[in-house]
Amino acid sequence: MQSLFQILMLILDVVWFFIIAHVIMSWLINFQVLNLRQPLVAQIWDGLNRLLEPLYRPLRRILPPMGGLDLAPLVALIAIYALRIILANNAGYFYGY
């Protein structure tokens, strides 16, 4: 069961990294540091959107419209952090103590 705990923590860490990368990349695109006409940038952006849109879509339905401000990544990061806390506080169940 210890392996299950570590795998769940790893998955949450990877999702956390993808969300942070998506947020930073969106800022760089909006400030015109990155250009979506470049094939590599467009592929990375499309890949991140395809990975994270299933996570963001239900959150966007729940959150009220904020006039162009997307709070779905922030809510997702808070939820991931909360899941990490819950897993860490219940780690004893995974280790068999």
N, C-alpha and C. Protein backbone atom coordinates (compact mmCIF):
# COMPACT_ATOMS: atom_id res chain seq x y z
N MET A 1 0.82 -1.20 0.00
CA MET A 1 0.00 0.00 0.00
C MET A 1 0.86 1.26 0.00
N GLN A 2 2.08 1.14 0.47
CA GLN A 2 2.98 2.29 0.46
C GLN A 2 3.20 2.76 -0.97
N SER A 3 3.28 1.83 -1.89
CA SER A 3 3.47 2.17 -3.30
C SER A 3 2.30 2.98 -3.82
N LEU A 4 1.09 2.63 -3.43
CA LEU A 4 -0.10 3.35 -3.86
C LEU A 4 -0.04 4.80 -3.38
N PHE A 5 0.36 5.01 -2.15
CA PHE A 5 0.49 6.35 -1.59
C PHE A 5 1.50 7.16 -2.40
N GLN A 6 2.64 6.58 -2.69
CA GLN A 6 3.68 7.28 -3.44
C GLN A 6 3.24 7.57 -4.87
N ILE A 7 2.52 6.65 -5.49
CA ILE A 7 2.03 6.87 -6.86
C ILE A 7 1.01 8.00 -6.87
N LEU A 8 0.11 8.03 -5.90
CA LEU A 8 -0.88 9.11 -5.83
C LEU A 8 -0.21 10.47 -5.63
N MET A 9 0.80 10.51 -4.76
CA MET A 9 1.52 11.76 -4.54
C MET A 9 2.26 12.19 -5.81
N LEU A 10 2.84 11.23 -6.53
CA LEU A 10 3.54 11.54 -7.78
C LEU A 10 2.57 12.10 -8.81
N ILE A 11 1.40 11.51 -8.94
CA ILE A 11 0.40 11.98 -9.90
C ILE A 11 -0.01 13.41 -9.56
N LEU A 12 -0.23 13.68 -8.28
CA LEU A 12 -0.60 15.04 -7.88
C LEU A 12 0.53 16.03 -8.16
N ASP A 13 1.78 15.61 -7.96
CA ASP A 13 2.92 16.48 -8.26
C ASP A 13 3.01 16.78 -9.76
N VAL A 14 2.77 15.78 -10.60
CA VAL A 14 2.85 15.97 -12.05
C VAL A 14 1.73 16.91 -12.51
N VAL A 15 0.53 16.71 -12.00
CA VAL A 15 -0.59 17.58 -12.37
C VAL A 15 -0.31 19.01 -11.92
N TRP A 16 0.25 19.17 -10.71
CA TRP A 16 0.64 20.48 -10.19
C TRP A 16 1.61 21.16 -11.15
N PHE A 17 2.63 20.42 -11.61
CA PHE A 17 3.61 20.96 -12.54
C PHE A 17 2.96 21.38 -13.85
N PHE A 18 2.08 20.56 -14.39
CA PHE A 18 1.41 20.89 -15.65
C PHE A 18 0.56 22.16 -15.52
N ILE A 19 -0.13 22.31 -14.39
CA ILE A 19 -0.96 23.50 -14.19
C ILE A 19 -0.07 24.75 -14.10
N ILE A 20 1.02 24.66 -13.34
CA ILE A 20 1.93 25.80 -13.23
C ILE A 20 2.52 26.14 -14.60
N ALA A 21 2.92 25.13 -15.37
CA ALA A 21 3.47 25.37 -16.71
C ALA A 21 2.41 26.02 -17.60
N HIS A 22 1.17 25.57 -17.50
CA HIS A 22 0.08 26.13 -18.31
C HIS A 22 -0.16 27.60 -17.95
N VAL A 23 -0.17 27.91 -16.68
CA VAL A 23 -0.40 29.29 -16.24
C VAL A 23 0.74 30.20 -16.72
N ILE A 24 1.98 29.76 -16.53
CA ILE A 24 3.12 30.57 -16.95
C ILE A 24 3.12 30.75 -18.46
N MET A 25 2.82 29.69 -19.18
CA MET A 25 2.79 29.77 -20.64
C MET A 25 1.67 30.71 -21.11
N SER A 26 0.53 30.68 -20.44
CA SER A 26 -0.56 31.59 -20.83
C SER A 26 -0.16 33.04 -20.61
N TRP A 27 0.56 33.32 -19.53
CA TRP A 27 1.06 34.68 -19.30
C TRP A 27 2.03 35.09 -20.40
N LEU A 28 2.95 34.20 -20.73
CA LEU A 28 3.94 34.52 -21.76
C LEU A 28 3.29 34.72 -23.13
N ILE A 29 2.25 33.98 -23.41
CA ILE A 29 1.53 34.17 -24.68
C ILE A 29 0.77 35.49 -24.67
N ASN A 30 0.11 35.79 -23.55
CA ASN A 30 -0.66 37.04 -23.47
C ASN A 30 0.23 38.27 -23.50
N PHE A 31 1.44 38.18 -22.96
CA PHE A 31 2.37 39.31 -22.99
C PHE A 31 3.25 39.28 -24.24
N GLN A 32 2.92 38.40 -25.18
CA GLN A 32 3.57 38.28 -26.48
C GLN A 32 5.06 37.98 -26.38
N VAL A 33 5.43 37.26 -25.35
CA VAL A 33 6.80 36.75 -25.26
C VAL A 33 6.90 35.48 -26.10
N LEU A 34 5.85 34.65 -26.05
CA LEU A 34 5.76 33.47 -26.90
C LEU A 34 4.73 33.71 -27.98
N ASN A 35 4.98 33.12 -29.14
CA ASN A 35 4.11 33.29 -30.29
C ASN A 35 3.53 31.94 -30.68
N LEU A 36 2.21 31.86 -30.76
CA LEU A 36 1.56 30.60 -31.11
C LEU A 36 1.76 30.21 -32.57
N ARG A 37 2.34 31.09 -33.37
CA ARG A 37 2.64 30.73 -34.76
C ARG A 37 3.88 29.84 -34.87
N GLN A 38 4.66 29.79 -33.81
CA GLN A 38 5.80 28.88 -33.79
C GLN A 38 5.28 27.47 -33.53
N PRO A 39 5.67 26.50 -34.36
CA PRO A 39 5.10 25.15 -34.26
C PRO A 39 5.31 24.49 -32.89
N LEU A 40 6.50 24.61 -32.31
CA LEU A 40 6.76 23.97 -31.03
C LEU A 40 5.91 24.58 -29.92
N VAL A 41 5.81 25.89 -29.90
CA VAL A 41 5.00 26.58 -28.90
C VAL A 41 3.54 26.18 -29.06
N ALA A 42 3.06 26.14 -30.30
CA ALA A 42 1.67 25.77 -30.56
C ALA A 42 1.38 24.33 -30.13
N GLN A 43 2.33 23.42 -30.37
CA GLN A 43 2.12 22.02 -29.97
C GLN A 43 2.10 21.87 -28.45
N ILE A 44 3.01 22.54 -27.78
CA ILE A 44 3.03 22.46 -26.31
C ILE A 44 1.75 23.06 -25.73
N TRP A 45 1.34 24.21 -26.26
CA TRP A 45 0.13 24.87 -25.77
C TRP A 45 -1.10 23.99 -26.01
N ASP A 46 -1.19 23.39 -27.19
CA ASP A 46 -2.32 22.51 -27.51
C ASP A 46 -2.31 21.28 -26.60
N GLY A 47 -1.13 20.72 -26.37
CA GLY A 47 -1.04 19.55 -25.49
C GLY A 47 -1.45 19.86 -24.07
N LEU A 48 -0.99 20.99 -23.54
CA LEU A 48 -1.38 21.38 -22.18
C LEU A 48 -2.88 21.64 -22.09
N ASN A 49 -3.43 22.29 -23.11
CA ASN A 49 -4.87 22.53 -23.10
C ASN A 49 -5.66 21.23 -23.14
N ARG A 50 -5.22 20.28 -23.95
CA ARG A 50 -5.93 18.99 -24.02
C ARG A 50 -5.82 18.22 -22.71
N LEU A 51 -4.69 18.32 -22.05
CA LEU A 51 -4.53 17.62 -20.77
C LEU A 51 -5.36 18.25 -19.66
N LEU A 52 -5.40 19.57 -19.62
CA LEU A 52 -5.98 20.25 -18.47
C LEU A 52 -7.44 20.67 -18.65
N GLU A 53 -7.91 20.72 -19.87
CA GLU A 53 -9.30 21.15 -20.09
C GLU A 53 -10.31 20.23 -19.39
N PRO A 54 -10.13 18.91 -19.37
CA PRO A 54 -11.09 18.08 -18.60
C PRO A 54 -11.09 18.39 -17.10
N LEU A 55 -9.99 18.90 -16.59
CA LEU A 55 -9.92 19.30 -15.19
C LEU A 55 -10.55 20.67 -14.97
N TYR A 56 -10.34 21.59 -15.91
CA TYR A 56 -10.85 22.96 -15.77
C TYR A 56 -12.34 23.09 -16.07
N ARG A 57 -12.86 22.30 -17.02
CA ARG A 57 -14.23 22.47 -17.49
C ARG A 57 -15.26 22.40 -16.35
N PRO A 58 -15.22 21.39 -15.47
CA PRO A 58 -16.21 21.37 -14.39
C PRO A 58 -16.05 22.54 -13.42
N LEU A 59 -14.81 22.97 -13.22
CA LEU A 59 -14.58 24.11 -12.32
C LEU A 59 -15.13 25.39 -12.92
N ARG A 60 -14.98 25.56 -14.23
CA ARG A 60 -15.48 26.77 -14.89
C ARG A 60 -17.01 26.82 -14.86
N ARG A 61 -17.66 25.66 -14.86
CA ARG A 61 -19.13 25.65 -14.76
C ARG A 61 -19.59 26.11 -13.38
N ILE A 62 -18.81 25.79 -12.36
CA ILE A 62 -19.18 26.15 -10.99
C ILE A 62 -18.83 27.60 -10.67
N LEU A 63 -17.67 28.05 -11.12
CA LEU A 63 -17.20 29.40 -10.80
C LEU A 63 -18.01 30.45 -11.55
N PRO A 64 -18.28 31.57 -10.89
CA PRO A 64 -19.00 32.65 -11.59
C PRO A 64 -18.07 33.33 -12.60
N PRO A 65 -18.64 33.94 -13.65
CA PRO A 65 -17.79 34.65 -14.62
C PRO A 65 -17.10 35.84 -13.94
N MET A 66 -15.82 35.99 -14.23
CA MET A 66 -15.03 37.02 -13.57
C MET A 66 -14.52 38.08 -14.56
N GLY A 67 -15.17 38.22 -15.69
CA GLY A 67 -14.79 39.25 -16.64
C GLY A 67 -13.44 39.01 -17.29
N GLY A 68 -13.21 37.81 -17.78
CA GLY A 68 -11.96 37.50 -18.47
C GLY A 68 -10.89 36.90 -17.58
N LEU A 69 -11.12 36.85 -16.30
CA LEU A 69 -10.15 36.27 -15.36
C LEU A 69 -10.56 34.82 -15.10
N ASP A 70 -9.68 33.90 -15.41
CA ASP A 70 -9.96 32.48 -15.25
C ASP A 70 -9.38 31.99 -13.93
N LEU A 71 -10.25 31.67 -13.00
CA LEU A 71 -9.81 31.20 -11.68
C LEU A 71 -9.74 29.68 -11.58
N ALA A 72 -10.07 28.97 -12.66
CA ALA A 72 -10.06 27.51 -12.63
C ALA A 72 -8.68 26.94 -12.28
N PRO A 73 -7.57 27.46 -12.83
CA PRO A 73 -6.26 26.92 -12.43
C PRO A 73 -5.97 27.12 -10.94
N LEU A 74 -6.36 28.27 -10.40
CA LEU A 74 -6.14 28.53 -8.97
C LEU A 74 -6.93 27.56 -8.11
N VAL A 75 -8.18 27.34 -8.47
CA VAL A 75 -9.03 26.41 -7.72
C VAL A 75 -8.48 24.98 -7.84
N ALA A 76 -8.00 24.63 -9.03
CA ALA A 76 -7.41 23.30 -9.23
C ALA A 76 -6.16 23.12 -8.38
N LEU A 77 -5.31 24.15 -8.30
CA LEU A 77 -4.11 24.06 -7.48
C LEU A 77 -4.45 23.93 -6.00
N ILE A 78 -5.45 24.66 -5.56
CA ILE A 78 -5.90 24.56 -4.16
C ILE A 78 -6.45 23.17 -3.88
N ALA A 79 -7.21 22.62 -4.83
CA ALA A 79 -7.77 21.27 -4.65
C ALA A 79 -6.66 20.23 -4.61
N ILE A 80 -5.65 20.37 -5.45
CA ILE A 80 -4.53 19.42 -5.44
C ILE A 80 -3.78 19.51 -4.12
N TYR A 81 -3.56 20.72 -3.64
CA TYR A 81 -2.87 20.90 -2.37
C TYR A 81 -3.69 20.28 -1.23
N ALA A 82 -5.00 20.47 -1.27
CA ALA A 82 -5.88 19.87 -0.25
C ALA A 82 -5.81 18.34 -0.31
N LEU A 83 -5.81 17.78 -1.51
CA LEU A 83 -5.68 16.32 -1.64
C LEU A 83 -4.35 15.82 -1.08
N ARG A 84 -3.29 16.57 -1.33
CA ARG A 84 -1.98 16.19 -0.79
C ARG A 84 -2.00 16.20 0.75
N ILE A 85 -2.66 17.19 1.34
CA ILE A 85 -2.77 17.26 2.80
C ILE A 85 -3.57 16.08 3.32
N ILE A 86 -4.68 15.77 2.66
CA ILE A 86 -5.53 14.64 3.08
C ILE A 86 -4.74 13.34 2.99
N LEU A 87 -4.01 13.14 1.88
CA LEU A 87 -3.21 11.92 1.74
C LEU A 87 -2.11 11.85 2.79
N ALA A 88 -1.44 12.96 3.03
CA ALA A 88 -0.35 12.97 4.01
C ALA A 88 -0.87 12.70 5.43
N ASN A 89 -2.02 13.26 5.75
CA ASN A 89 -2.58 13.04 7.09
C ASN A 89 -3.11 11.62 7.27
N ASN A 90 -3.41 10.94 6.18
CA ASN A 90 -3.90 9.57 6.25
C ASN A 90 -2.87 8.57 5.74
N ALA A 91 -1.61 8.96 5.74
CA ALA A 91 -0.55 8.08 5.24
C ALA A 91 -0.44 6.80 6.05
N GLY A 92 -0.82 6.85 7.30
CA GLY A 92 -0.76 5.66 8.14
C GLY A 92 -1.60 4.52 7.60
N TYR A 93 -2.70 4.83 6.95
CA TYR A 93 -3.54 3.79 6.36
C TYR A 93 -2.83 3.11 5.19
N PHE A 94 -1.97 3.85 4.51
CA PHE A 94 -1.24 3.28 3.39
C PHE A 94 -0.04 2.45 3.87
N TYR A 95 0.54 2.84 5.00
CA TYR A 95 1.71 2.14 5.50
C TYR A 95 1.35 0.98 6.41
N GLY A 96 0.09 0.86 6.76
CA GLY A 96 -0.34 -0.28 7.54
C GLY A 96 -0.13 -0.15 9.04
N TYR A 97 -0.03 1.08 9.54
CA TYR A 97 0.16 1.26 11.00
C TYR A 97 -1.16 1.32 11.69
